[in-house]
PDB file of N, CA and C in Angstrom:
ATOM      1  N   MET A   1      24.023  21.653 143.439  1.00  0.00           N
ATOM      2  CA  MET A   1      24.584  21.664 141.663  1.00  0.00           C
ATOM      3  C   MET A   1      25.306  21.289 140.981  1.00  0.00           C
ATOM      4  N   THR A   2      26.366  20.968 140.731  1.00  0.00           N
ATOM      5  CA  THR A   2      27.092  20.081 140.053  1.00  0.00           C
ATOM      6  C   THR A   2      27.072  21.137 138.552  1.00  0.00           C
ATOM      7  N   SER A   3      28.796  21.036 138.513  1.00  0.00           N
ATOM      8  CA  SER A   3      29.583  21.448 136.784  1.00  0.00           C
ATOM      9  C   SER A   3      28.536  21.541 135.741  1.00  0.00           C
ATOM     10  N   ARG A   4      28.526  19.428 135.896  1.00  0.00           N
ATOM     11  CA  ARG A   4      27.820  18.471 134.738  1.00  0.00           C
ATOM     12  C   ARG A   4      26.183  19.600 134.223  1.00  0.00           C
ATOM     13  N   GLN A   5      25.217  20.238 135.370  1.00  0.00           N
ATOM     14  CA  GLN A   5      24.386  20.329 135.108  1.00  0.00           C
ATOM     15  C   GLN A   5      24.233  21.583 134.967  1.00  0.00           C
ATOM     16  N   LEU A   6      25.379  22.813 134.889  1.00  0.00           N
ATOM     17  CA  LEU A   6      25.514  23.824 134.805  1.00  0.00           C
ATOM     18  C   LEU A   6      25.982  24.401 133.352  1.00  0.00           C
ATOM     19  N   LYS A   7      26.521  22.886 133.040  1.00  0.00           N
ATOM     20  CA  LYS A   7      26.749  23.302 131.179  1.00  0.00           C
ATOM     21  C   LYS A   7      25.478  23.314 130.249  1.00  0.00           C
ATOM     22  N   ASN A   8      26.189  24.397 129.725  1.00  0.00           N
ATOM     23  CA  ASN A   8      24.118  24.954 128.476  1.00  0.00           C
ATOM     24  C   ASN A   8      24.510  23.656 127.383  1.00  0.00           C
ATOM     25  N   PRO A   9      22.921  23.311 126.765  1.00  0.00           N
ATOM     26  CA  PRO A   9      24.042  22.267 126.126  1.00  0.00           C
ATOM     27  C   PRO A   9      24.586  22.435 124.528  1.00  0.00           C
ATOM     28  N   TYR A  10      24.394  24.489 124.308  1.00  0.00           N
ATOM     29  CA  TYR A  10      24.528  24.391 122.956  1.00  0.00           C
ATOM     30  C   TYR A  10      26.036  25.146 123.220  1.00  0.00           C
ATOM     31  N   GLY A  11      25.972  24.997 124.171  1.00  0.00           N
ATOM     32  CA  GLY A  11      27.533  25.676 123.978  1.00  0.00           C
ATOM     33  C   GLY A  11      27.676  27.781 124.512  1.00  0.00           C
ATOM     34  N   PHE A  12      27.984  28.591 123.183  1.00  0.00           N
ATOM     35  CA  PHE A  12      28.251  29.222 123.147  1.00  0.00           C
ATOM     36  C   PHE A  12      27.097  30.251 122.991  1.00  0.00           C
ATOM     37  N   PHE A  13      26.644  29.685 122.269  1.00  0.00           N
ATOM     38  CA  PHE A  13      25.453  30.056 120.991  1.00  0.00           C
ATOM     39  C   PHE A  13      23.576  29.849 122.353  1.00  0.00           C
ATOM     40  N   ALA A  14      23.626  29.927 123.079  1.00  0.00           N
ATOM     41  CA  ALA A  14      22.919  29.521 124.339  1.00  0.00           C
ATOM     42  C   ALA A  14      23.306  30.928 124.812  1.00  0.00           C
ATOM     43  N   PRO A  15      22.149  32.344 124.755  1.00  0.00           N
ATOM     44  CA  PRO A  15      22.738  33.038 125.088  1.00  0.00           C
ATOM     45  C   PRO A  15      22.297  33.171 126.325  1.00  0.00           C
ATOM     46  N   TYR A  16      21.846  32.455 127.537  1.00  0.00           N
ATOM     47  CA  TYR A  16      21.916  32.630 128.475  1.00  0.00           C
ATOM     48  C   TYR A  16      22.028  31.965 129.384  1.00  0.00           C
ATOM     49  N   ILE A  17      23.422  31.729 130.767  1.00  0.00           N
ATOM     50  CA  ILE A  17      23.217  30.866 131.657  1.00  0.00           C
ATOM     51  C   ILE A  17      22.627  30.259 132.985  1.00  0.00           C
ATOM     52  N   PRO A  18      22.581  29.570 133.484  1.00  0.00           N
ATOM     53  CA  PRO A  18      21.585  29.801 135.151  1.00  0.00           C
ATOM     54  C   PRO A  18      22.915  30.058 136.137  1.00  0.00           C
ATOM     55  N   MET A  19      23.296  30.364 136.996  1.00  0.00           N
ATOM     56  CA  MET A  19      23.879  30.879 137.700  1.00  0.00           C
ATOM     57  C   MET A  19      23.952  29.976 138.837  1.00  0.00           C
ATOM     58  N   PRO A  20      24.841  29.462 140.067  1.00  0.00           N
ATOM     59  CA  PRO A  20      24.821  28.820 141.162  1.00  0.00           C
ATOM     60  C   PRO A  20      24.167  29.893 142.175  1.00  0.00           C
ATOM     61  N   LYS A  21      23.488  29.098 143.225  1.00  0.00           N
ATOM     62  CA  LYS A  21      23.279  29.443 144.605  1.00  0.00           C
ATOM     63  C   LYS A  21      24.697  29.843 145.088  1.00  0.00           C
ATOM     64  N   GLY A  22      24.503  30.812 146.276  1.00  0.00           N
ATOM     65  CA  GLY A  22      25.968  29.893 147.489  1.00  0.00           C
ATOM     66  C   GLY A  22      26.836  30.464 147.016  1.00  0.00           C
ATOM     67  N   ARG A  23      27.918  31.127 147.861  1.00  0.00           N
ATOM     68  CA  ARG A  23      28.884  31.565 147.906  1.00  0.00           C
ATOM     69  C   ARG A  23      29.044  32.706 146.706  1.00  0.00           C
ATOM     70  N   GLY A  24      27.932  33.594 147.087  1.00  0.00           N
ATOM     71  CA  GLY A  24      28.067  35.063 146.466  1.00  0.00           C
ATOM     72  C   GLY A  24      27.429  35.461 145.299  1.00  0.00           C
ATOM     73  N   PHE A  25      26.960  33.994 144.408  1.00  0.00           N
ATOM     74  CA  PHE A  25      26.340  34.028 143.468  1.00  0.00           C
ATOM     75  C   PHE A  25      24.350  34.051 143.916  1.00  0.00           C
ATOM     76  N   THR A  26      23.781  35.235 142.966  1.00  0.00           N
ATOM     77  CA  THR A  26      22.818  35.212 143.005  1.00  0.00           C
ATOM     78  C   THR A  26      21.883  34.171 142.032  1.00  0.00           C
ATOM     79  N   ALA A  27      21.088  34.322 142.540  1.00  0.00           N
ATOM     80  CA  ALA A  27      19.457  33.352 141.928  1.00  0.00           C
ATOM     81  C   ALA A  27      19.364  33.865 140.463  1.00  0.00           C
ATOM     82  N   ARG A  28      20.073  33.991 139.309  1.00  0.00           N
ATOM     83  CA  ARG A  28      19.364  34.535 138.384  1.00  0.00           C
ATOM     84  C   ARG A  28      19.822  34.055 137.120  1.00  0.00           C
ATOM     85  N   LEU A  29      19.645  34.133 136.143  1.00  0.00           N
ATOM     86  CA  LEU A  29      20.354  34.122 135.070  1.00  0.00           C
ATOM     87  C   LEU A  29      20.987  35.417 133.938  1.00  0.00           C
ATOM     88  N   VAL A  30      22.356  35.214 133.382  1.00  0.00           N
ATOM     89  CA  VAL A  30      23.207  35.535 133.041  1.00  0.00           C
ATOM     90  C   VAL A  30      23.564  35.300 131.296  1.00  0.00           C
ATOM     91  N   ASN A  31      23.348  36.876 131.201  1.00  0.00           N
ATOM     92  CA  ASN A  31      24.262  36.727 129.191  1.00  0.00           C
ATOM     93  C   ASN A  31      25.440  36.291 129.651  1.00  0.00           C
ATOM     94  N   ARG A  32      26.024  35.866 128.287  1.00  0.00           N
ATOM     95  CA  ARG A  32      27.342  35.299 128.685  1.00  0.00           C
ATOM     96  C   ARG A  32      27.897  35.954 128.281  1.00  0.00           C
ATOM     97  N   VAL A  33      27.370  37.118 127.946  1.00  0.00           N
ATOM     98  CA  VAL A  33      28.550  38.478 126.628  1.00  0.00           C
ATOM     99  C   VAL A  33      28.570  39.275 128.126  1.00  0.00           C
ATOM    100  N   GLU A  34      27.720  39.995 129.362  1.00  0.00           N
ATOM    101  CA  GLU A  34      28.190  40.050 130.403  1.00  0.00           C
ATOM    102  C   GLU A  34      29.209  39.608 131.203  1.00  0.00           C
ATOM    103  N   ILE A  35      29.596  38.275 131.523  1.00  0.00           N
ATOM    104  CA  ILE A  35      31.489  37.949 131.798  1.00  0.00           C
ATOM    105  C   ILE A  35      31.715  36.984 130.612  1.00  0.00           C
ATOM    106  N   LEU A  36      31.770  37.441 130.244  1.00  0.00           N
ATOM    107  CA  LEU A  36      32.703  36.733 129.114  1.00  0.00           C
ATOM    108  C   LEU A  36      33.770  37.487 129.312  1.00  0.00           C
ATOM    109  N   LYS A  37      35.432  37.510 128.344  1.00  0.00           N
ATOM    110  CA  LYS A  37      36.505  38.140 129.119  1.00  0.00           C
ATOM    111  C   LYS A  37      36.848  38.007 127.451  1.00  0.00           C
ATOM    112  N   SER A  38      36.928  39.204 126.552  1.00  0.00           N
ATOM    113  CA  SER A  38      37.585  38.803 125.411  1.00  0.00           C
ATOM    114  C   SER A  38      38.393  40.338 125.232  1.00  0.00           C
ATOM    115  N   PRO A  39      39.557  39.871 123.703  1.00  0.00           N
ATOM    116  CA  PRO A  39      40.177  41.410 123.446  1.00  0.00           C
ATOM    117  C   PRO A  39      39.611  42.119 122.036  1.00  0.00           C
ATOM    118  N   VAL A  40      37.534  41.375 121.957  1.00  0.00           N
ATOM    119  CA  VAL A  40      37.818  42.078 120.621  1.00  0.00           C
ATOM    120  C   VAL A  40      36.397  42.074 121.958  1.00  0.00           C
ATOM    121  N   PRO A  41      35.355  43.516 121.181  1.00  0.00           N
ATOM    122  CA  PRO A  41      34.193  43.110 120.918  1.00  0.00           C
ATOM    123  C   PRO A  41      32.946  42.358 120.856  1.00  0.00           C
ATOM    124  N   LEU A  42      32.608  42.406 122.155  1.00  0.00           N
ATOM    125  CA  LEU A  42      31.394  40.776 121.916  1.00  0.00           C
ATOM    126  C   LEU A  42      29.543  41.676 121.633  1.00  0.00           C
ATOM    127  N   TYR A  43      28.636  41.626 121.530  1.00  0.00           N
ATOM    128  CA  TYR A  43      27.938  41.686 121.473  1.00  0.00           C
ATOM    129  C   TYR A  43      26.423  40.261 122.145  1.00  0.00           C
ATOM    130  N   PRO A  44      25.400  41.342 122.177  1.00  0.00           N
ATOM    131  CA  PRO A  44      24.218  39.818 121.624  1.00  0.00           C
ATOM    132  C   PRO A  44      23.569  39.946 120.940  1.00  0.00           C
ATOM    133  N   ALA A  45      23.327  38.130 120.699  1.00  0.00           N
ATOM    134  CA  ALA A  45      23.082  38.234 118.974  1.00  0.00           C
ATOM    135  C   ALA A  45      21.393  39.516 119.220  1.00  0.00           C
ATOM    136  N   TYR A  46      21.114  39.629 119.629  1.00  0.00           N
ATOM    137  CA  TYR A  46      19.492  41.015 119.179  1.00  0.00           C
ATOM    138  C   TYR A  46      19.585  42.038 118.971  1.00  0.00           C
ATOM    139  N   LYS A  47      21.495  42.199 119.390  1.00  0.00           N
ATOM    140  CA  LYS A  47      21.225  43.601 118.917  1.00  0.00           C
ATOM    141  C   LYS A  47      22.545  43.308 117.631  1.00  0.00           C
ATOM    142  N   MET A  48      21.885  41.844 116.606  1.00  0.00           N
ATOM    143  CA  MET A  48      22.572  41.316 115.728  1.00  0.00           C
ATOM    144  C   MET A  48      22.300  42.402 114.432  1.00  0.00           C
ATOM    145  N   ALA A  49      21.666  42.898 114.195  1.00  0.00           N
ATOM    146  CA  ALA A  49      20.803  43.833 112.756  1.00  0.00           C
ATOM    147  C   ALA A  49      22.015  44.377 113.087  1.00  0.00           C
ATOM    148  N   GLU A  50      21.746  45.781 114.080  1.00  0.00           N
ATOM    149  CA  GLU A  50      22.287  46.916 114.535  1.00  0.00           C
ATOM    150  C   GLU A  50      24.017  46.742 114.613  1.00  0.00           C
ATOM    151  N   ILE A  51      24.759  45.803 114.689  1.00  0.00           N
ATOM    152  CA  ILE A  51      25.988  45.834 114.507  1.00  0.00           C
ATOM    153  C   ILE A  51      26.000  45.314 113.171  1.00  0.00           C
ATOM    154  N   ILE A  52      25.508  44.800 112.299  1.00  0.00           N
ATOM    155  CA  ILE A  52      25.748  44.758 110.819  1.00  0.00           C
ATOM    156  C   ILE A  52      25.856  45.801 110.185  1.00  0.00           C
ATOM    157  N   SER A  53      24.714  46.751 110.488  1.00  0.00           N
ATOM    158  CA  SER A  53      24.742  47.765 110.156  1.00  0.00           C
ATOM    159  C   SER A  53      25.872  48.934 110.740  1.00  0.00           C
ATOM    160  N   ARG A  54      26.028  49.231 111.479  1.00  0.00           N
ATOM    161  CA  ARG A  54      26.874  49.980 112.222  1.00  0.00           C
ATOM    162  C   ARG A  54      28.379  49.781 111.406  1.00  0.00           C
ATOM    163  N   PHE A  55      28.631  47.707 111.343  1.00  0.00           N
ATOM    164  CA  PHE A  55      30.531  48.417 111.120  1.00  0.00           C
ATOM    165  C   PHE A  55      30.295  47.920 109.326  1.00  0.00           C
ATOM    166  N   SER A  56      28.660  47.768 108.844  1.00  0.00           N
ATOM    167  CA  SER A  56      28.795  47.417 106.946  1.00  0.00           C
ATOM    168  C   SER A  56      29.898  45.649 107.084  1.00  0.00           C
ATOM    169  N   ILE A  57      28.833  45.587 108.381  1.00  0.00           N
ATOM    170  CA  ILE A  57      29.644  44.052 108.065  1.00  0.00           C
ATOM    171  C   ILE A  57      29.115  43.109 107.044  1.00  0.00           C
ATOM    172  N   GLU A  58      29.680  42.207 105.866  1.00  0.00           N
ATOM    173  CA  GLU A  58      28.970  42.054 104.320  1.00  0.00           C
ATOM    174  C   GLU A  58      29.239  39.834 105.191  1.00  0.00           C
ATOM    175  N   ILE A  59      30.442  39.555 105.319  1.00  0.00           N
ATOM    176  CA  ILE A  59      29.675  38.388 105.028  1.00  0.00           C
ATOM    177  C   ILE A  59      29.993  37.461 107.164  1.00  0.00           C
ATOM    178  N   ALA A  60      29.215  36.362 106.905  1.00  0.00           N
ATOM    179  CA  ALA A  60      29.124  36.537 108.399  1.00  0.00           C
ATOM    180  C   ALA A  60      29.558  34.488 108.267  1.00  0.00           C
ATOM    181  N   LEU A  61      30.109  33.665 109.545  1.00  0.00           N
ATOM    182  CA  LEU A  61      30.352  32.693 109.975  1.00  0.00           C
ATOM    183  C   LEU A  61      29.513  32.103 110.726  1.00  0.00           C
ATOM    184  N   LEU A  62      28.559  31.233 110.440  1.00  0.00           N
ATOM    185  CA  LEU A  62      27.713  30.630 111.093  1.00  0.00           C
ATOM    186  C   LEU A  62      28.230  29.386 111.543  1.00  0.00           C
ATOM    187  N   CYS A  63      27.798  29.187 112.379  1.00  0.00           N
ATOM    188  CA  CYS A  63      28.381  28.250 113.913  1.00  0.00           C
ATOM    189  C   CYS A  63      27.145  28.201 115.053  1.00  0.00           C
ATOM    190  N   VAL A  64      26.414  27.314 114.705  1.00  0.00           N
ATOM    191  CA  VAL A  64      24.986  26.967 115.577  1.00  0.00           C
ATOM    192  C   VAL A  64      24.506  25.882 115.871  1.00  0.00           C
ATOM    193  N   PRO A  65      23.710  25.638 116.817  1.00  0.00           N
ATOM    194  CA  PRO A  65      22.598  24.174 116.728  1.00  0.00           C
ATOM    195  C   PRO A  65      22.750  24.558 114.952  1.00  0.00           C
ATOM    196  N   GLU A  66      22.588  22.649 115.740  1.00  0.00           N
ATOM    197  CA  GLU A  66      21.166  23.174 113.584  1.00  0.00           C
ATOM    198  C   GLU A  66      19.587  23.377 113.921  1.00  0.00           C
ATOM    199  N   ASP A  67      19.391  23.196 115.003  1.00  0.00           N
ATOM    200  CA  ASP A  67      17.875  23.502 115.566  1.00  0.00           C
ATOM    201  C   ASP A  67      17.889  24.932 115.328  1.00  0.00           C
ATOM    202  N   ALA A  68      18.960  25.657 115.112  1.00  0.00           N
ATOM    203  CA  ALA A  68      19.060  27.826 114.739  1.00  0.00           C
ATOM    204  C   ALA A  68      19.364  27.839 113.470  1.00  0.00           C
ATOM    205  N   ALA A  69      19.790  26.158 112.687  1.00  0.00           N
ATOM    206  CA  ALA A  69      20.894  27.822 111.462  1.00  0.00           C
ATOM    207  C   ALA A  69      19.520  28.424 110.326  1.00  0.00           C
ATOM    208  N   GLN A  70      18.597  27.822 110.273  1.00  0.00           N
ATOM    209  CA  GLN A  70      17.763  28.559 109.230  1.00  0.00           C
ATOM    210  C   GLN A  70      17.345  29.519 109.818  1.00  0.00           C
ATOM    211  N   HIS A  71      17.056  30.160 111.080  1.00  0.00           N
ATOM    212  CA  HIS A  71      16.319  30.821 111.176  1.00  0.00           C
ATOM    213  C   HIS A  71      17.771  31.514 111.173  1.00  0.00           C
ATOM    214  N   THR A  72      19.349  31.713 112.086  1.00  0.00           N
ATOM    215  CA  THR A  72      19.657  32.558 111.827  1.00  0.00           C
ATOM    216  C   THR A  72      20.033  33.550 111.085  1.00  0.00           C
ATOM    217  N   ALA A  73      20.322  32.321 109.280  1.00  0.00           N
ATOM    218  CA  ALA A  73      20.752  32.660 108.136  1.00  0.00           C
ATOM    219  C   ALA A  73      19.448  33.611 107.923  1.00  0.00           C
ATOM    220  N   GLU A  74      17.865  33.288 108.622  1.00  0.00           N
ATOM    221  CA  GLU A  74      17.581  34.553 108.002  1.00  0.00           C
ATOM    222  C   GLU A  74      17.609  35.767 108.268  1.00  0.00           C
ATOM    223  N   ASN A  75      17.882  35.382 109.881  1.00  0.00           N
ATOM    224  CA  ASN A  75      17.718  37.035 110.129  1.00  0.00           C
ATOM    225  C   ASN A  75      19.101  37.806 109.429  1.00  0.00           C
ATOM    226  N   LEU A  76      20.540  37.300 109.485  1.00  0.00           N
ATOM    227  CA  LEU A  76      21.249  37.750 109.607  1.00  0.00           C
ATOM    228  C   LEU A  76      21.369  38.340 107.507  1.00  0.00           C
ATOM    229  N   ALA A  77      20.547  37.835 106.979  1.00  0.00           N
ATOM    230  CA  ALA A  77      20.269  38.153 105.791  1.00  0.00           C
ATOM    231  C   ALA A  77      19.627  39.406 105.297  1.00  0.00           C
ATOM    232  N   ALA A  78      18.491  38.916 106.706  1.00  0.00           N
ATOM    233  CA  ALA A  78      17.472  40.341 106.358  1.00  0.00           C
ATOM    234  C   ALA A  78      17.807  41.643 107.240  1.00  0.00           C
ATOM    235  N   ALA A  79      19.233  41.426 107.753  1.00  0.00           N
ATOM    236  CA  ALA A  79      20.378  42.692 108.487  1.00  0.00           C
ATOM    237  C   ALA A  79      21.357  43.055 107.685  1.00  0.00           C
ATOM    238  N   GLY A  80      20.997  42.558 106.290  1.00  0.00           N
ATOM    239  CA  GLY A  80      22.069  43.050 105.145  1.00  0.00           C
ATOM    240  C   GLY A  80      23.280  41.782 105.136  1.00  0.00           C
ATOM    241  N   ILE A  81      23.673  40.913 105.283  1.00  0.00           N
ATOM    242  CA  ILE A  81      24.918  40.264 105.190  1.00  0.00           C
ATOM    243  C   ILE A  81      24.115  39.534 103.400  1.00  0.00           C
ATOM    244  N   ARG A  82      25.144  39.846 103.067  1.00  0.00           N
ATOM    245  CA  ARG A  82      25.266  39.330 101.784  1.00  0.00           C
ATOM    246  C   ARG A  82      26.186  37.742 101.427  1.00  0.00           C
ATOM    247  N   GLY A  83      27.129  37.199 102.445  1.00  0.00           N
ATOM    248  CA  GLY A  83      27.454  36.540 102.328  1.00  0.00           C
ATOM    249  C   GLY A  83      27.964  35.209 103.493  1.00  0.00           C
ATOM    250  N   ILE A  84      27.869  34.560 103.762  1.00  0.00           N
ATOM    251  CA  ILE A  84      27.219  33.592 104.763  1.00  0.00           C
ATOM    252  C   ILE A  84      28.245  32.369 104.587  1.00  0.00           C
ATOM    253  N   LEU A  85      29.458  32.127 105.388  1.00  0.00           N
ATOM    254  CA  LEU A  85      30.078  30.600 105.710  1.00  0.00           C
ATOM    255  C   LEU A  85      29.934  29.862 106.483  1.00  0.00           C
ATOM    256  N   ASN A  86      28.673  28.830 105.679  1.00  0.00           N
ATOM    257  CA  ASN A  86      27.351  28.141 106.539  1.00  0.00           C
ATOM    258  C   ASN A  86      28.618  26.985 107.861  1.00  0.00           C
ATOM    259  N   PHE A  87      29.285  26.701 108.530  1.00  0.00           N
ATOM    260  CA  PHE A  87      29.468  25.811 109.383  1.00  0.00           C
ATOM    261  C   PHE A  87      28.479  24.390 109.929  1.00  0.00           C
ATOM    262  N   THR A  88      27.281  24.980 109.324  1.00  0.00           N
ATOM    263  CA  THR A  88      26.254  23.518 110.015  1.00  0.00           C
ATOM    264  C   THR A  88      26.199  22.881 109.035  1.00  0.00           C
ATOM    265  N   PRO A  89      25.702  21.474 109.097  1.00  0.00           N
ATOM    266  CA  PRO A  89      25.161  20.972 108.216  1.00  0.00           C
ATOM    267  C   PRO A  89      23.780  20.978 107.306  1.00  0.00           C
ATOM    268  N   VAL A  90      23.234  22.178 107.678  1.00  0.00           N
ATOM    269  CA  VAL A  90      22.154  22.482 107.680  1.00  0.00           C
ATOM    270  C   VAL A  90      22.348  22.948 105.946  1.00  0.00           C
ATOM    271  N   VAL A  91      21.152  22.678 105.073  1.00  0.00           N
ATOM    272  CA  VAL A  91      20.792  23.343 103.411  1.00  0.00           C
ATOM    273  C   VAL A  91      20.061  24.177 103.826  1.00  0.00           C
ATOM    274  N   LEU A  92      20.759  25.577 103.415  1.00  0.00           N
ATOM    275  CA  LEU A  92      19.998  27.073 103.866  1.00  0.00           C
ATOM    276  C   LEU A  92      19.275  26.971 102.882  1.00  0.00           C
ATOM    277  N   THR A  93      17.868  27.979 103.176  1.00  0.00           N
ATOM    278  CA  THR A  93      17.641  28.759 102.322  1.00  0.00           C
ATOM    279  C   THR A  93      17.285  30.055 102.356  1.00  0.00           C
ATOM    280  N   THR A  94      18.289  31.003 101.505  1.00  0.00           N
ATOM    281  CA  THR A  94      18.388  31.817 101.619  1.00  0.00           C
ATOM    282  C   THR A  94      18.073  33.205 100.475  1.00  0.00           C
ATOM    283  N   PRO A  95      18.015  34.425 100.487  1.00  0.00           N
ATOM    284  CA  PRO A  95      17.757  34.993  99.579  1.00  0.00           C
ATOM    285  C   PRO A  95      18.564  34.761  98.376  1.00  0.00           C
ATOM    286  N   PRO A  96      18.408  34.356  97.171  1.00  0.00           N
ATOM    287  CA  PRO A  96      19.086  35.292  95.820  1.00  0.00           C
ATOM    288  C   PRO A  96      20.270  36.282  96.260  1.00  0.00           C
ATOM    289  N   GLU A  97      20.129  36.995  96.830  1.00  0.00           N
ATOM    290  CA  GLU A  97      21.486  38.117  97.102  1.00  0.00           C
ATOM    291  C   GLU A  97      22.524  37.725  97.843  1.00  0.00           C
ATOM    292  N   THR A  98      22.058  36.819  99.564  1.00  0.00           N
ATOM    293  CA  THR A  98      22.766  36.072  99.497  1.00  0.00           C
ATOM    294  C   THR A  98      23.885  34.354  99.321  1.00  0.00           C
ATOM    295  N   ALA A  99      24.526  35.377  99.180  1.00  0.00           N
ATOM    296  CA  ALA A  99      25.067  34.064  99.035  1.00  0.00           C
ATOM    297  C   ALA A  99      25.673  33.054  99.607  1.00  0.00           C
ATOM    298  N   VAL A 100      26.264  31.464  99.838  1.00  0.00           N
ATOM    299  CA  VAL A 100      26.058  30.228 100.200  1.00  0.00           C
ATOM    300  C   VAL A 100      27.032  29.641  99.939  1.00  0.00           C
ATOM    301  N   ARG A 101      28.526  29.771 101.470  1.00  0.00           N
ATOM    302  CA  ARG A 101      29.241  28.581 100.974  1.00  0.00           C
ATOM    303  C   ARG A 101      29.004  27.967 102.372  1.00  0.00           C
ATOM    304  N   ASN A 102      29.031  26.119 102.209  1.00  0.00           N
ATOM    305  CA  ASN A 102      28.841  25.138 103.133  1.00  0.00           C
ATOM    306  C   ASN A 102      30.313  24.913 103.389  1.00  0.00           C
ATOM    307  N   VAL A 103      30.565  24.242 104.508  1.00  0.00           N
ATOM    308  CA  VAL A 103      31.893  23.691 105.284  1.00  0.00           C
ATOM    309  C   VAL A 103      31.518  22.761 105.860  1.00  0.00           C
ATOM    310  N   GLY A 104      32.076  21.727 105.057  1.00  0.00           N
ATOM    311  CA  GLY A 104      31.974  20.394 105.977  1.00  0.00           C
ATOM    312  C   GLY A 104      33.213  20.106 106.803  1.00  0.00           C
ATOM    313  N   LEU A 105      32.831  20.695 107.522  1.00  0.00           N
ATOM    314  CA  LEU A 105      34.077  20.657 109.203  1.00  0.00           C
ATOM    315  C   LEU A 105      34.125  18.838 108.757  1.00  0.00           C
ATOM    316  N   LEU A 106      33.777  17.770 108.710  1.00  0.00           N
ATOM    317  CA  LEU A 106      34.766  16.678 108.927  1.00  0.00           C
ATOM    318  C   LEU A 106      34.865  15.619 108.243  1.00  0.00           C
ATOM    319  N   GLU A 107      33.815  16.638 106.790  1.00  0.00           N
ATOM    320  CA  GLU A 107      35.106  16.347 105.737  1.00  0.00           C
ATOM    321  C   GLU A 107      36.597  17.042 105.216  1.00  0.00           C
ATOM    322  N   GLU A 108      36.607  18.267 106.096  1.00  0.00           N
ATOM    323  CA  GLU A 108      37.697  18.931 106.089  1.00  0.00           C
ATOM    324  C   GLU A 108      38.900  18.137 107.399  1.00  0.00           C
ATOM    325  N   LEU A 109      38.330  17.518 108.810  1.00  0.00           N
ATOM    326  CA  LEU A 109      39.282  17.113 109.090  1.00  0.00           C
ATOM    327  C   LEU A 109      39.705  15.764 108.307  1.00  0.00           C
ATOM    328  N   ARG A 110      39.165  15.005 108.237  1.00  0.00           N
ATOM    329  CA  ARG A 110      39.024  14.017 107.724  1.00  0.00           C
ATOM    330  C   ARG A 110      40.495  14.380 106.512  1.00  0.00           C
ATOM    331  N   ALA A 111      40.109  14.943 105.932  1.00  0.00           N
ATOM    332  CA  ALA A 111      40.774  15.631 104.890  1.00  0.00           C
ATOM    333  C   ALA A 111      42.369  15.523 104.979  1.00  0.00           C
ATOM    334  N   LEU A 112      42.648  16.708 105.670  1.00  0.00           N
ATOM    335  CA  LEU A 112      43.910  16.998 107.017  1.00  0.00           C
ATOM    336  C   LEU A 112      44.373  15.916 107.688  1.00  0.00           C
ATOM    337  N   SER A 113      43.302  15.189 108.619  1.00  0.00           N
ATOM    338  CA  SER A 113      44.771  14.028 108.788  1.00  0.00           C
ATOM    339  C   SER A 113      45.153  12.728 108.115  1.00  0.00           C
ATOM    340  N   ILE A 114      44.222  12.948 106.927  1.00  0.00           N
ATOM    341  CA  ILE A 114      44.790  12.230 105.370  1.00  0.00           C
ATOM    342  C   ILE A 114      46.376  12.976 104.840  1.00  0.00           C
ATOM    343  N   GLU A 115      46.437  13.704 105.081  1.00  0.00           N
ATOM    344  CA  GLU A 115      47.638  15.224 104.433  1.00  0.00           C
ATOM    345  C   GLU A 115      48.076  14.295 105.736  1.00  0.00           C
ATOM    346  N   ILE A 116      48.143  15.302 106.464  1.00  0.00           N
ATOM    347  CA  ILE A 116      49.219  14.502 107.993  1.00  0.00           C
ATOM    348  C   ILE A 116      49.838  13.096 107.937  1.00  0.00           C
ATOM    349  N   SER A 117      49.062  12.405 107.778  1.00  0.00           N
ATOM    350  CA  SER A 117      49.117  10.969 107.678  1.00  0.00           C
ATOM    351  C   SER A 117      50.188  10.807 106.344  1.00  0.00           C
ATOM    352  N   ASN A 118      50.100  11.362 105.438  1.00  0.00           N
ATOM    353  CA  ASN A 118      50.935  11.495 104.172  1.00  0.00           C
ATOM    354  C   ASN A 118      51.911  11.686 104.196  1.00  0.00           C
ATOM    355  N   LYS A 119      52.320  12.691 104.996  1.00  0.00           N
ATOM    356  CA  LYS A 119      53.651  13.237 105.156  1.00  0.00           C
ATOM    357  C   LYS A 119      54.505  12.897 106.040  1.00  0.00           C
ATOM    358  N   VAL A 120      53.585  12.437 107.466  1.00  0.00           N
ATOM    359  CA  VAL A 120      54.488  11.104 108.161  1.00  0.00           C
ATOM    360  C   VAL A 120      55.081  10.459 107.592  1.00  0.00           C
ATOM    361  N   ILE A 121      54.427   9.300 106.643  1.00  0.00           N
ATOM    362  CA  ILE A 121      54.709   8.314 105.598  1.00  0.00           C
ATOM    363  C   ILE A 121      55.972   8.475 105.197  1.00  0.00           C
ATOM    364  N   LEU A 122      56.170   9.925 104.674  1.00  0.00           N
ATOM    365  CA  LEU A 122      56.595  10.742 103.861  1.00  0.00           C
ATOM    366  C   LEU A 122      58.492  11.016 103.891  1.00  0.00           C
ATOM    367  N   THR A 123      58.162  12.073 105.634  1.00  0.00           N
ATOM    368  CA  THR A 123      59.106  11.553 106.032  1.00  0.00           C
ATOM    369  C   THR A 123      59.889  10.483 106.415  1.00  0.00           C
ATOM    370  N   ASP A 124      59.816   9.170 107.257  1.00  0.00           N
ATOM    371  CA  ASP A 124      59.851   8.748 107.698  1.00  0.00           C
ATOM    372  C   ASP A 124      60.980   7.795 106.587  1.00  0.00           C
ATOM    373  N   ASP A 125      60.390   7.619 105.285  1.00  0.00           N
ATOM    374  CA  ASP A 125      61.542   7.343 104.392  1.00  0.00           C
ATOM    375  C   ASP A 125      62.848   7.781 103.942  1.00  0.00           C
TER     376      ASP A 125
END
């Protein structure tokens, strides 16, 4: 099995990755939270409501694949999230008590690139 075959098309947003056979690995699915090292606590998605409640979290950053955006936003709202910063291209439908701000990442990168280019032109004069 090559590293290309092991790549998960959803990156960090899919909960499980396959582990290769041989070289001390067992053939099973592993939750990424079990193997990622992080200076901050990581929690599996199925504990979202519990963690949001426990820590009184009010704002969420939504950075998931398009096909998971609406469902995830609904889960966040149901768990008590009051505001979502949406980095997906999906127009979300949420309850009236849940505010949504959409971030067009490509537009922001384009604007930043133009600003950097303008600064370079100004400093070259």
